[in-house]
Amino acid sequence: MTTATITHRGTALLLLIGGLIGALASGVLAYDRIRTLEDPLFTPGCNVNAVLSCGDVMTTWQGNLLGFPNTLLGIAGFAALAALGAALTAGAVFPRGIWLGLWAAVAVGFGFTVWLIGQCLYVIGALCPWCTAVWAVMIPLFWYVTRHLAAPGSLLRALPHWLVPLAGYAVLAALVLVRFGTRLL
């Protein structure tokens, strides 16, 4: 098995598993949002404390940016990623144009995720546990799809494949700890 085959297979599995995790997180949030609309006294199970609170995040304008819950975009987008990952895992080969479209979609999703991270940390002042699961998925998705498209021998391919996601997680953890510290517990 060549390095390119292993890289391709790893990216395919990441799309499949990341898509499934993202779709699950988005689905649970959509369910909780519907329940809060039906019953204003409903408390989502992910409301843990004043900082870890899905309810505080999902009811903001940031949680409904296009006039409907962001979770609906998540369900559709992550389901599409999972489907593409399943097809690739089964042996499908996509032309570069499909990969570029996938990269564009993941890049938009990553940009949106970074914006939401900033909003949660510095405007809303709360973290949604299911949202953080989506953040955790978007970091490697963006990196590995970007790396997959990089030219052989480029810096993106020369870096250890785990370095950028690990650095992303470290920066995110540091931002959360600096912002909320012991209030997370």
N, C-alpha and C. Protein backbone atom coordinates (compact mmCIF):
# COMPACT_ATOMS: atom_id res chain seq x y z
N MET A 1 0.85 -1.17 0.00
CA MET A 1 0.00 0.00 0.00
C MET A 1 0.90 1.24 0.00
N THR A 2 0.64 2.18 -0.90
CA THR A 2 1.47 3.38 -1.00
C THR A 2 1.05 4.41 0.04
N THR A 3 1.93 5.39 0.28
CA THR A 3 1.63 6.47 1.21
C THR A 3 0.40 7.24 0.74
N ALA A 4 0.27 7.45 -0.58
CA ALA A 4 -0.89 8.17 -1.12
C ALA A 4 -2.17 7.40 -0.83
N THR A 5 -2.13 6.07 -0.94
CA THR A 5 -3.31 5.26 -0.66
C THR A 5 -3.67 5.34 0.81
N ILE A 6 -2.67 5.27 1.68
CA ILE A 6 -2.93 5.36 3.12
C ILE A 6 -3.52 6.73 3.47
N THR A 7 -2.93 7.81 2.89
CA THR A 7 -3.43 9.16 3.13
C THR A 7 -4.87 9.28 2.64
N HIS A 8 -5.13 8.77 1.45
CA HIS A 8 -6.48 8.83 0.88
C HIS A 8 -7.46 8.08 1.78
N ARG A 9 -7.08 6.90 2.22
CA ARG A 9 -7.96 6.09 3.08
C ARG A 9 -8.21 6.78 4.42
N GLY A 10 -7.17 7.38 4.99
CA GLY A 10 -7.33 8.10 6.25
C GLY A 10 -8.26 9.29 6.10
N THR A 11 -8.11 10.02 5.00
CA THR A 11 -8.99 11.16 4.75
C THR A 11 -10.42 10.69 4.54
N ALA A 12 -10.60 9.60 3.83
CA ALA A 12 -11.94 9.05 3.62
C ALA A 12 -12.59 8.66 4.94
N LEU A 13 -11.84 7.99 5.81
CA LEU A 13 -12.38 7.60 7.12
C LEU A 13 -12.67 8.81 7.98
N LEU A 14 -11.82 9.83 7.91
CA LEU A 14 -12.07 11.06 8.66
C LEU A 14 -13.36 11.72 8.19
N LEU A 15 -13.57 11.78 6.89
CA LEU A 15 -14.82 12.36 6.37
C LEU A 15 -16.03 11.56 6.86
N LEU A 16 -15.93 10.25 6.83
CA LEU A 16 -17.03 9.40 7.27
C LEU A 16 -17.30 9.57 8.77
N ILE A 17 -16.27 9.39 9.58
CA ILE A 17 -16.44 9.44 11.04
C ILE A 17 -16.74 10.87 11.50
N GLY A 18 -16.00 11.84 10.96
CA GLY A 18 -16.25 13.24 11.32
C GLY A 18 -17.65 13.68 10.91
N GLY A 19 -18.07 13.24 9.72
CA GLY A 19 -19.42 13.57 9.27
C GLY A 19 -20.49 12.97 10.17
N LEU A 20 -20.27 11.73 10.60
CA LEU A 20 -21.24 11.09 11.50
C LEU A 20 -21.28 11.79 12.87
N ILE A 21 -20.12 12.13 13.41
CA ILE A 21 -20.09 12.83 14.71
C ILE A 21 -20.75 14.20 14.59
N GLY A 22 -20.42 14.93 13.53
CA GLY A 22 -21.02 16.25 13.32
C GLY A 22 -22.52 16.18 13.12
N ALA A 23 -22.97 15.18 12.36
CA ALA A 23 -24.41 15.03 12.13
C ALA A 23 -25.12 14.66 13.43
N LEU A 24 -24.51 13.80 14.23
CA LEU A 24 -25.10 13.44 15.52
C LEU A 24 -25.21 14.65 16.43
N ALA A 25 -24.12 15.40 16.56
CA ALA A 25 -24.13 16.60 17.41
C ALA A 25 -25.18 17.59 16.92
N SER A 26 -25.23 17.82 15.62
CA SER A 26 -26.20 18.75 15.05
C SER A 26 -27.62 18.25 15.25
N GLY A 27 -27.82 16.94 15.11
CA GLY A 27 -29.15 16.37 15.31
C GLY A 27 -29.64 16.50 16.74
N VAL A 28 -28.77 16.26 17.70
CA VAL A 28 -29.15 16.40 19.11
C VAL A 28 -29.49 17.86 19.40
N LEU A 29 -28.68 18.78 18.89
CA LEU A 29 -28.96 20.20 19.10
C LEU A 29 -30.27 20.61 18.45
N ALA A 30 -30.54 20.10 17.25
CA ALA A 30 -31.81 20.42 16.58
C ALA A 30 -32.99 19.90 17.39
N TYR A 31 -32.86 18.69 17.91
CA TYR A 31 -33.92 18.12 18.74
C TYR A 31 -34.14 18.99 19.98
N ASP A 32 -33.06 19.36 20.65
CA ASP A 32 -33.19 20.19 21.84
C ASP A 32 -33.78 21.56 21.51
N ARG A 33 -33.41 22.12 20.36
CA ARG A 33 -33.96 23.42 19.97
C ARG A 33 -35.46 23.30 19.72
N ILE A 34 -35.88 22.25 19.06
CA ILE A 34 -37.32 22.05 18.82
C ILE A 34 -38.05 21.91 20.15
N ARG A 35 -37.47 21.15 21.07
CA ARG A 35 -38.09 20.97 22.40
C ARG A 35 -38.20 22.30 23.14
N THR A 36 -37.18 23.17 23.03
CA THR A 36 -37.25 24.46 23.73
C THR A 36 -38.30 25.37 23.09
N LEU A 37 -38.53 25.21 21.81
CA LEU A 37 -39.58 25.99 21.16
C LEU A 37 -40.97 25.49 21.55
N GLU A 38 -41.10 24.18 21.72
CA GLU A 38 -42.37 23.58 22.14
C GLU A 38 -42.69 23.89 23.60
N ASP A 39 -41.66 23.85 24.42
CA ASP A 39 -41.84 24.01 25.87
C ASP A 39 -40.76 24.94 26.41
N PRO A 40 -41.09 26.19 26.68
CA PRO A 40 -40.09 27.14 27.17
C PRO A 40 -39.44 26.71 28.49
N LEU A 41 -40.03 25.79 29.21
CA LEU A 41 -39.45 25.32 30.47
C LEU A 41 -38.52 24.12 30.28
N PHE A 42 -38.45 23.61 29.04
CA PHE A 42 -37.56 22.48 28.76
C PHE A 42 -36.10 22.90 28.96
N THR A 43 -35.35 22.06 29.61
CA THR A 43 -33.92 22.32 29.82
C THR A 43 -33.13 21.24 29.07
N PRO A 44 -32.33 21.64 28.08
CA PRO A 44 -31.52 20.66 27.36
C PRO A 44 -30.56 19.94 28.31
N GLY A 45 -30.32 18.67 28.04
CA GLY A 45 -29.44 17.88 28.88
C GLY A 45 -28.01 18.39 28.89
N CYS A 46 -27.66 19.20 27.90
CA CYS A 46 -26.29 19.73 27.83
C CYS A 46 -26.13 21.03 28.59
N ASN A 47 -27.16 21.44 29.30
CA ASN A 47 -27.02 22.59 30.20
C ASN A 47 -26.44 22.06 31.51
N VAL A 48 -25.13 22.20 31.65
CA VAL A 48 -24.42 21.63 32.80
C VAL A 48 -24.26 22.66 33.91
N ASN A 49 -23.86 23.88 33.53
CA ASN A 49 -23.67 24.96 34.49
C ASN A 49 -23.78 26.28 33.74
N ALA A 50 -23.37 27.37 34.37
CA ALA A 50 -23.51 28.68 33.73
C ALA A 50 -22.62 28.83 32.49
N VAL A 51 -21.53 28.09 32.42
CA VAL A 51 -20.63 28.18 31.26
C VAL A 51 -20.97 27.12 30.22
N LEU A 52 -21.14 25.88 30.63
CA LEU A 52 -21.49 24.79 29.71
C LEU A 52 -23.00 24.73 29.56
N SER A 53 -23.49 25.45 28.56
CA SER A 53 -24.94 25.60 28.43
C SER A 53 -25.37 25.74 26.97
N CYS A 54 -25.87 24.65 26.42
CA CYS A 54 -26.37 24.67 25.04
C CYS A 54 -27.53 25.65 24.90
N GLY A 55 -28.39 25.67 25.90
CA GLY A 55 -29.57 26.53 25.85
C GLY A 55 -29.20 27.99 25.68
N ASP A 56 -28.15 28.43 26.37
CA ASP A 56 -27.72 29.82 26.24
C ASP A 56 -27.17 30.13 24.86
N VAL A 57 -26.57 29.15 24.22
CA VAL A 57 -25.98 29.37 22.91
C VAL A 57 -27.03 29.26 21.81
N MET A 58 -27.88 28.24 21.87
CA MET A 58 -28.81 27.99 20.76
C MET A 58 -29.91 29.03 20.60
N THR A 59 -30.16 29.82 21.65
CA THR A 59 -31.23 30.81 21.56
C THR A 59 -30.73 32.18 21.12
N THR A 60 -29.44 32.33 20.84
CA THR A 60 -28.89 33.61 20.41
C THR A 60 -29.06 33.79 18.91
N TRP A 61 -28.87 35.02 18.46
CA TRP A 61 -28.92 35.26 17.01
C TRP A 61 -27.78 34.53 16.31
N GLN A 62 -26.65 34.35 17.02
CA GLN A 62 -25.52 33.65 16.42
C GLN A 62 -25.85 32.18 16.16
N GLY A 63 -26.72 31.61 16.98
CA GLY A 63 -27.14 30.22 16.81
C GLY A 63 -28.19 30.05 15.72
N ASN A 64 -28.67 31.16 15.19
CA ASN A 64 -29.70 31.17 14.14
C ASN A 64 -29.33 32.19 13.07
N LEU A 65 -28.11 32.14 12.62
CA LEU A 65 -27.53 33.20 11.80
C LEU A 65 -28.33 33.51 10.53
N LEU A 66 -28.82 32.51 9.88
CA LEU A 66 -29.55 32.73 8.62
C LEU A 66 -31.06 32.77 8.81
N GLY A 67 -31.50 32.91 10.06
CA GLY A 67 -32.93 32.98 10.34
C GLY A 67 -33.51 31.64 10.74
N PHE A 68 -32.72 30.62 10.77
CA PHE A 68 -33.14 29.30 11.23
C PHE A 68 -31.95 28.70 11.98
N PRO A 69 -32.18 27.68 12.78
CA PRO A 69 -31.08 27.12 13.59
C PRO A 69 -29.91 26.64 12.73
N ASN A 70 -28.72 27.03 13.13
CA ASN A 70 -27.50 26.59 12.43
C ASN A 70 -27.41 25.07 12.38
N THR A 71 -28.03 24.42 13.35
CA THR A 71 -27.96 22.96 13.42
C THR A 71 -28.52 22.30 12.17
N LEU A 72 -29.47 22.95 11.51
CA LEU A 72 -30.02 22.37 10.28
C LEU A 72 -28.97 22.33 9.18
N LEU A 73 -28.14 23.38 9.11
CA LEU A 73 -27.02 23.36 8.16
C LEU A 73 -26.04 22.26 8.54
N GLY A 74 -25.82 22.10 9.84
CA GLY A 74 -24.91 21.06 10.32
C GLY A 74 -25.37 19.66 9.95
N ILE A 75 -26.65 19.41 10.13
CA ILE A 75 -27.18 18.08 9.79
C ILE A 75 -26.93 17.78 8.31
N ALA A 76 -27.29 18.72 7.45
CA ALA A 76 -27.14 18.51 6.01
C ALA A 76 -25.66 18.42 5.61
N GLY A 77 -24.87 19.35 6.09
CA GLY A 77 -23.46 19.38 5.71
C GLY A 77 -22.69 18.17 6.19
N PHE A 78 -22.88 17.81 7.45
CA PHE A 78 -22.15 16.66 7.98
C PHE A 78 -22.65 15.35 7.39
N ALA A 79 -23.94 15.26 7.09
CA ALA A 79 -24.45 14.05 6.43
C ALA A 79 -23.81 13.90 5.04
N ALA A 80 -23.66 15.03 4.34
CA ALA A 80 -23.01 14.98 3.02
C ALA A 80 -21.55 14.55 3.15
N LEU A 81 -20.85 15.06 4.17
CA LEU A 81 -19.46 14.64 4.39
C LEU A 81 -19.38 13.15 4.68
N ALA A 82 -20.29 12.66 5.52
CA ALA A 82 -20.31 11.23 5.85
C ALA A 82 -20.57 10.40 4.60
N ALA A 83 -21.48 10.86 3.75
CA ALA A 83 -21.78 10.13 2.52
C ALA A 83 -20.56 10.10 1.59
N LEU A 84 -19.89 11.23 1.45
CA LEU A 84 -18.68 11.26 0.62
C LEU A 84 -17.61 10.35 1.21
N GLY A 85 -17.46 10.40 2.53
CA GLY A 85 -16.49 9.53 3.19
C GLY A 85 -16.81 8.07 2.99
N ALA A 86 -18.09 7.73 3.07
CA ALA A 86 -18.50 6.33 2.85
C ALA A 86 -18.19 5.90 1.42
N ALA A 87 -18.48 6.77 0.47
CA ALA A 87 -18.19 6.44 -0.93
C ALA A 87 -16.70 6.25 -1.15
N LEU A 88 -15.88 7.13 -0.58
CA LEU A 88 -14.43 7.03 -0.72
C LEU A 88 -13.90 5.77 -0.03
N THR A 89 -14.45 5.47 1.14
CA THR A 89 -14.04 4.28 1.87
C THR A 89 -14.36 3.02 1.07
N ALA A 90 -15.47 3.07 0.34
CA ALA A 90 -15.88 1.92 -0.47
C ALA A 90 -15.09 1.82 -1.77
N GLY A 91 -14.22 2.80 -2.03
CA GLY A 91 -13.39 2.71 -3.23
C GLY A 91 -13.67 3.73 -4.31
N ALA A 92 -14.62 4.62 -4.09
CA ALA A 92 -14.90 5.64 -5.10
C ALA A 92 -13.67 6.53 -5.30
N VAL A 93 -13.53 7.03 -6.49
CA VAL A 93 -12.45 7.96 -6.81
C VAL A 93 -13.11 9.22 -7.37
N PHE A 94 -12.87 10.34 -6.72
CA PHE A 94 -13.48 11.59 -7.14
C PHE A 94 -12.49 12.41 -7.95
N PRO A 95 -12.98 13.08 -8.98
CA PRO A 95 -12.09 13.98 -9.72
C PRO A 95 -11.69 15.17 -8.85
N ARG A 96 -10.62 15.84 -9.23
CA ARG A 96 -10.10 16.97 -8.45
C ARG A 96 -11.16 18.05 -8.25
N GLY A 97 -12.04 18.26 -9.21
CA GLY A 97 -13.09 19.27 -9.09
C GLY A 97 -14.01 19.00 -7.90
N ILE A 98 -14.34 17.74 -7.68
CA ILE A 98 -15.17 17.37 -6.52
C ILE A 98 -14.39 17.67 -5.24
N TRP A 99 -13.11 17.32 -5.22
CA TRP A 99 -12.28 17.59 -4.04
C TRP A 99 -12.17 19.08 -3.77
N LEU A 100 -12.06 19.88 -4.82
CA LEU A 100 -11.99 21.33 -4.64
C LEU A 100 -13.31 21.88 -4.09
N GLY A 101 -14.42 21.35 -4.59
CA GLY A 101 -15.72 21.75 -4.05
C GLY A 101 -15.87 21.34 -2.60
N LEU A 102 -15.39 20.14 -2.28
CA LEU A 102 -15.42 19.67 -0.89
C LEU A 102 -14.56 20.57 -0.02
N TRP A 103 -13.38 20.93 -0.51
CA TRP A 103 -12.51 21.82 0.26
C TRP A 103 -13.19 23.16 0.49
N ALA A 104 -13.82 23.71 -0.54
CA ALA A 104 -14.50 25.00 -0.39
C ALA A 104 -15.60 24.91 0.68
N ALA A 105 -16.37 23.84 0.66
CA ALA A 105 -17.44 23.67 1.65
C ALA A 105 -16.86 23.52 3.06
N VAL A 106 -15.81 22.72 3.19
CA VAL A 106 -15.18 22.53 4.50
C VAL A 106 -14.53 23.84 4.97
N ALA A 107 -13.93 24.60 4.05
CA ALA A 107 -13.32 25.87 4.42
C ALA A 107 -14.36 26.86 4.92
N VAL A 108 -15.50 26.92 4.26
CA VAL A 108 -16.58 27.79 4.73
C VAL A 108 -17.06 27.32 6.10
N GLY A 109 -17.23 26.01 6.26
CA GLY A 109 -17.64 25.47 7.56
C GLY A 109 -16.62 25.76 8.64
N PHE A 110 -15.34 25.67 8.30
CA PHE A 110 -14.28 25.95 9.27
C PHE A 110 -14.29 27.43 9.64
N GLY A 111 -14.43 28.29 8.66
CA GLY A 111 -14.50 29.73 8.93
C GLY A 111 -15.68 30.07 9.82
N PHE A 112 -16.81 29.46 9.53
CA PHE A 112 -18.01 29.66 10.35
C PHE A 112 -17.77 29.15 11.77
N THR A 113 -17.09 28.03 11.89
CA THR A 113 -16.78 27.46 13.20
C THR A 113 -15.87 28.39 13.99
N VAL A 114 -14.83 28.92 13.35
CA VAL A 114 -13.93 29.85 14.04
C VAL A 114 -14.70 31.07 14.51
N TRP A 115 -15.58 31.59 13.67
CA TRP A 115 -16.41 32.73 14.06
C TRP A 115 -17.28 32.37 15.27
N LEU A 116 -17.92 31.19 15.23
CA LEU A 116 -18.76 30.78 16.35
C LEU A 116 -17.96 30.58 17.64
N ILE A 117 -16.75 30.08 17.51
CA ILE A 117 -15.89 29.95 18.69
C ILE A 117 -15.69 31.31 19.33
N GLY A 118 -15.33 32.28 18.52
CA GLY A 118 -15.15 33.65 19.03
C GLY A 118 -16.41 34.19 19.66
N GLN A 119 -17.55 33.95 19.02
CA GLN A 119 -18.82 34.43 19.57
C GLN A 119 -19.14 33.78 20.91
N CYS A 120 -18.94 32.46 20.99
CA CYS A 120 -19.21 31.75 22.24
C CYS A 120 -18.29 32.22 23.36
N LEU A 121 -17.02 32.37 23.05
CA LEU A 121 -16.05 32.75 24.08
C LEU A 121 -16.21 34.20 24.53
N TYR A 122 -16.39 35.13 23.58
CA TYR A 122 -16.25 36.53 23.92
C TYR A 122 -17.53 37.37 23.82
N VAL A 123 -18.59 36.83 23.25
CA VAL A 123 -19.84 37.58 23.16
C VAL A 123 -20.93 36.89 23.98
N ILE A 124 -21.19 35.64 23.69
CA ILE A 124 -22.25 34.90 24.39
C ILE A 124 -21.80 34.55 25.80
N GLY A 125 -20.56 34.17 25.96
CA GLY A 125 -20.03 33.83 27.28
C GLY A 125 -20.46 32.46 27.77
N ALA A 126 -20.73 31.56 26.85
CA ALA A 126 -21.12 30.19 27.22
C ALA A 126 -20.61 29.24 26.15
N LEU A 127 -20.45 27.99 26.54
CA LEU A 127 -20.02 26.94 25.62
C LEU A 127 -21.10 25.87 25.55
N CYS A 128 -21.36 25.44 24.35
CA CYS A 128 -22.29 24.35 24.13
C CYS A 128 -21.46 23.08 23.94
N PRO A 129 -21.64 22.07 24.81
CA PRO A 129 -20.84 20.84 24.65
C PRO A 129 -20.97 20.20 23.27
N TRP A 130 -22.16 20.18 22.70
CA TRP A 130 -22.32 19.60 21.37
C TRP A 130 -21.63 20.45 20.31
N CYS A 131 -21.65 21.78 20.51
CA CYS A 131 -20.94 22.66 19.58
C CYS A 131 -19.45 22.40 19.64
N THR A 132 -18.93 22.17 20.84
CA THR A 132 -17.50 21.91 20.94
C THR A 132 -17.13 20.58 20.27
N ALA A 133 -18.06 19.65 20.22
CA ALA A 133 -17.82 18.41 19.47
C ALA A 133 -17.67 18.74 17.98
N VAL A 134 -18.51 19.64 17.49
CA VAL A 134 -18.42 20.07 16.09
C VAL A 134 -17.08 20.79 15.86
N TRP A 135 -16.68 21.64 16.79
CA TRP A 135 -15.40 22.32 16.65
C TRP A 135 -14.27 21.30 16.56
N ALA A 136 -14.35 20.29 17.42
CA ALA A 136 -13.30 19.26 17.45
C ALA A 136 -13.24 18.49 16.14
N VAL A 137 -14.34 18.36 15.45
CA VAL A 137 -14.39 17.67 14.16
C VAL A 137 -13.89 18.57 13.03
N MET A 138 -14.25 19.85 13.09
CA MET A 138 -13.91 20.75 11.99
C MET A 138 -12.42 21.01 11.86
N ILE A 139 -11.71 21.01 12.98
CA ILE A 139 -10.26 21.28 12.92
C ILE A 139 -9.55 20.24 12.04
N PRO A 140 -9.67 18.94 12.33
CA PRO A 140 -8.98 17.99 11.45
C PRO A 140 -9.60 17.88 10.06
N LEU A 141 -10.91 18.07 9.94
CA LEU A 141 -11.51 18.01 8.61
C LEU A 141 -10.89 19.05 7.69
N PHE A 142 -10.81 20.28 8.17
CA PHE A 142 -10.23 21.34 7.33
C PHE A 142 -8.77 21.04 7.01
N TRP A 143 -8.01 20.64 8.01
CA TRP A 143 -6.59 20.37 7.80
C TRP A 143 -6.36 19.22 6.82
N TYR A 144 -7.02 18.11 7.05
CA TYR A 144 -6.71 16.93 6.23
C TYR A 144 -7.25 17.05 4.81
N VAL A 145 -8.37 17.73 4.59
CA VAL A 145 -8.82 17.95 3.22
C VAL A 145 -7.87 18.92 2.52
N THR A 146 -7.43 19.96 3.23
CA THR A 146 -6.46 20.90 2.67
C THR A 146 -5.16 20.17 2.32
N ARG A 147 -4.69 19.36 3.25
CA ARG A 147 -3.44 18.61 3.05
C ARG A 147 -3.58 17.62 1.90
N HIS A 148 -4.74 17.00 1.79
CA HIS A 148 -4.99 16.04 0.71
C HIS A 148 -4.82 16.70 -0.67
N LEU A 149 -5.24 17.95 -0.77
CA LEU A 149 -5.18 18.65 -2.05
C LEU A 149 -3.81 19.28 -2.32
N ALA A 150 -2.96 19.35 -1.31
CA ALA A 150 -1.65 19.98 -1.49
C ALA A 150 -0.78 19.16 -2.45
N ALA A 151 0.06 19.87 -3.16
CA ALA A 151 0.97 19.21 -4.10
C ALA A 151 1.97 18.34 -3.34
N PRO A 152 2.31 17.19 -3.91
CA PRO A 152 3.35 16.36 -3.28
C PRO A 152 4.63 17.18 -3.10
N GLY A 153 5.25 17.05 -1.94
CA GLY A 153 6.48 17.79 -1.67
C GLY A 153 6.25 19.18 -1.11
N SER A 154 4.99 19.63 -1.03
CA SER A 154 4.73 20.97 -0.49
C SER A 154 4.91 20.97 1.02
N LEU A 155 4.98 22.15 1.60
CA LEU A 155 5.14 22.28 3.04
C LEU A 155 3.98 21.61 3.78
N LEU A 156 2.78 21.72 3.24
CA LEU A 156 1.62 21.10 3.90
C LEU A 156 1.77 19.59 3.99
N ARG A 157 2.42 19.00 3.02
CA ARG A 157 2.66 17.56 3.04
C ARG A 157 3.90 17.20 3.85
N ALA A 158 4.83 18.15 3.96
CA ALA A 158 6.08 17.88 4.68
C ALA A 158 5.89 17.91 6.19
N LEU A 159 4.94 18.71 6.67
CA LEU A 159 4.69 18.77 8.11
C LEU A 159 4.16 17.43 8.61
N PRO A 160 4.49 17.05 9.84
CA PRO A 160 3.86 15.85 10.39
C PRO A 160 2.34 16.03 10.35
N HIS A 161 1.62 15.04 9.88
CA HIS A 161 0.19 15.19 9.63
C HIS A 161 -0.60 15.55 10.88
N TRP A 162 -0.11 15.19 12.05
CA TRP A 162 -0.82 15.43 13.30
C TRP A 162 -0.53 16.79 13.92
N LEU A 163 0.47 17.50 13.42
CA LEU A 163 0.94 18.73 14.05
C LEU A 163 -0.11 19.85 14.05
N VAL A 164 -0.70 20.12 12.92
CA VAL A 164 -1.65 21.23 12.84
C VAL A 164 -2.92 20.96 13.65
N PRO A 165 -3.54 19.79 13.55
CA PRO A 165 -4.70 19.56 14.42
C PRO A 165 -4.35 19.65 15.90
N LEU A 166 -3.22 19.11 16.29
CA LEU A 166 -2.81 19.18 17.69
C LEU A 166 -2.62 20.64 18.13
N ALA A 167 -1.98 21.43 17.29
CA ALA A 167 -1.80 22.85 17.59
C ALA A 167 -3.15 23.57 17.68
N GLY A 168 -4.07 23.23 16.78
CA GLY A 168 -5.41 23.82 16.82
C GLY A 168 -6.13 23.50 18.12
N TYR A 169 -6.06 22.24 18.54
CA TYR A 169 -6.69 21.85 19.80
C TYR A 169 -6.03 22.56 20.98
N ALA A 170 -4.70 22.71 20.94
CA ALA A 170 -4.00 23.38 22.04
C ALA A 170 -4.40 24.85 22.14
N VAL A 171 -4.49 25.53 21.00
CA VAL A 171 -4.91 26.93 20.99
C VAL A 171 -6.34 27.05 21.50
N LEU A 172 -7.22 26.19 21.02
CA LEU A 172 -8.61 26.23 21.47
C LEU A 172 -8.72 25.98 22.97
N ALA A 173 -8.02 24.99 23.47
CA ALA A 173 -8.05 24.69 24.90
C ALA A 173 -7.52 25.87 25.71
N ALA A 174 -6.45 26.49 25.23
CA ALA A 174 -5.89 27.65 25.94
C ALA A 174 -6.88 28.80 25.96
N LEU A 175 -7.54 29.07 24.84
CA LEU A 175 -8.53 30.15 24.79
C LEU A 175 -9.68 29.89 25.77
N VAL A 176 -10.16 28.65 25.79
CA VAL A 176 -11.26 28.30 26.70
C VAL A 176 -10.82 28.43 28.15
N LEU A 177 -9.65 27.93 28.47
CA LEU A 177 -9.17 28.00 29.85
C LEU A 177 -8.91 29.43 30.29
N VAL A 178 -8.34 30.25 29.42
CA VAL A 178 -8.09 31.65 29.77
C VAL A 178 -9.42 32.37 29.97
N ARG A 179 -10.39 32.09 29.12
CA ARG A 179 -11.68 32.79 29.19
C ARG A 179 -12.52 32.32 30.37
N PHE A 180 -12.58 31.01 30.63
CA PHE A 180 -13.51 30.50 31.64
C PHE A 180 -12.83 29.90 32.87
N GLY A 181 -11.61 29.43 32.73
CA GLY A 181 -10.88 28.90 33.87
C GLY A 181 -11.66 27.87 34.66
N THR A 182 -11.70 28.03 35.96
CA THR A 182 -12.34 27.05 36.84
C THR A 182 -13.86 27.09 36.78
N ARG A 183 -14.41 28.10 36.10
CA ARG A 183 -15.89 28.15 35.98
C ARG A 183 -16.44 27.03 35.11
N LEU A 184 -15.58 26.31 34.40
CA LEU A 184 -16.03 25.18 33.58
C LEU A 184 -16.53 24.03 34.44
N LEU A 185 -16.02 23.92 35.64
CA LEU A 185 -16.33 22.77 36.49
C LEU A 185 -17.64 22.91 37.22
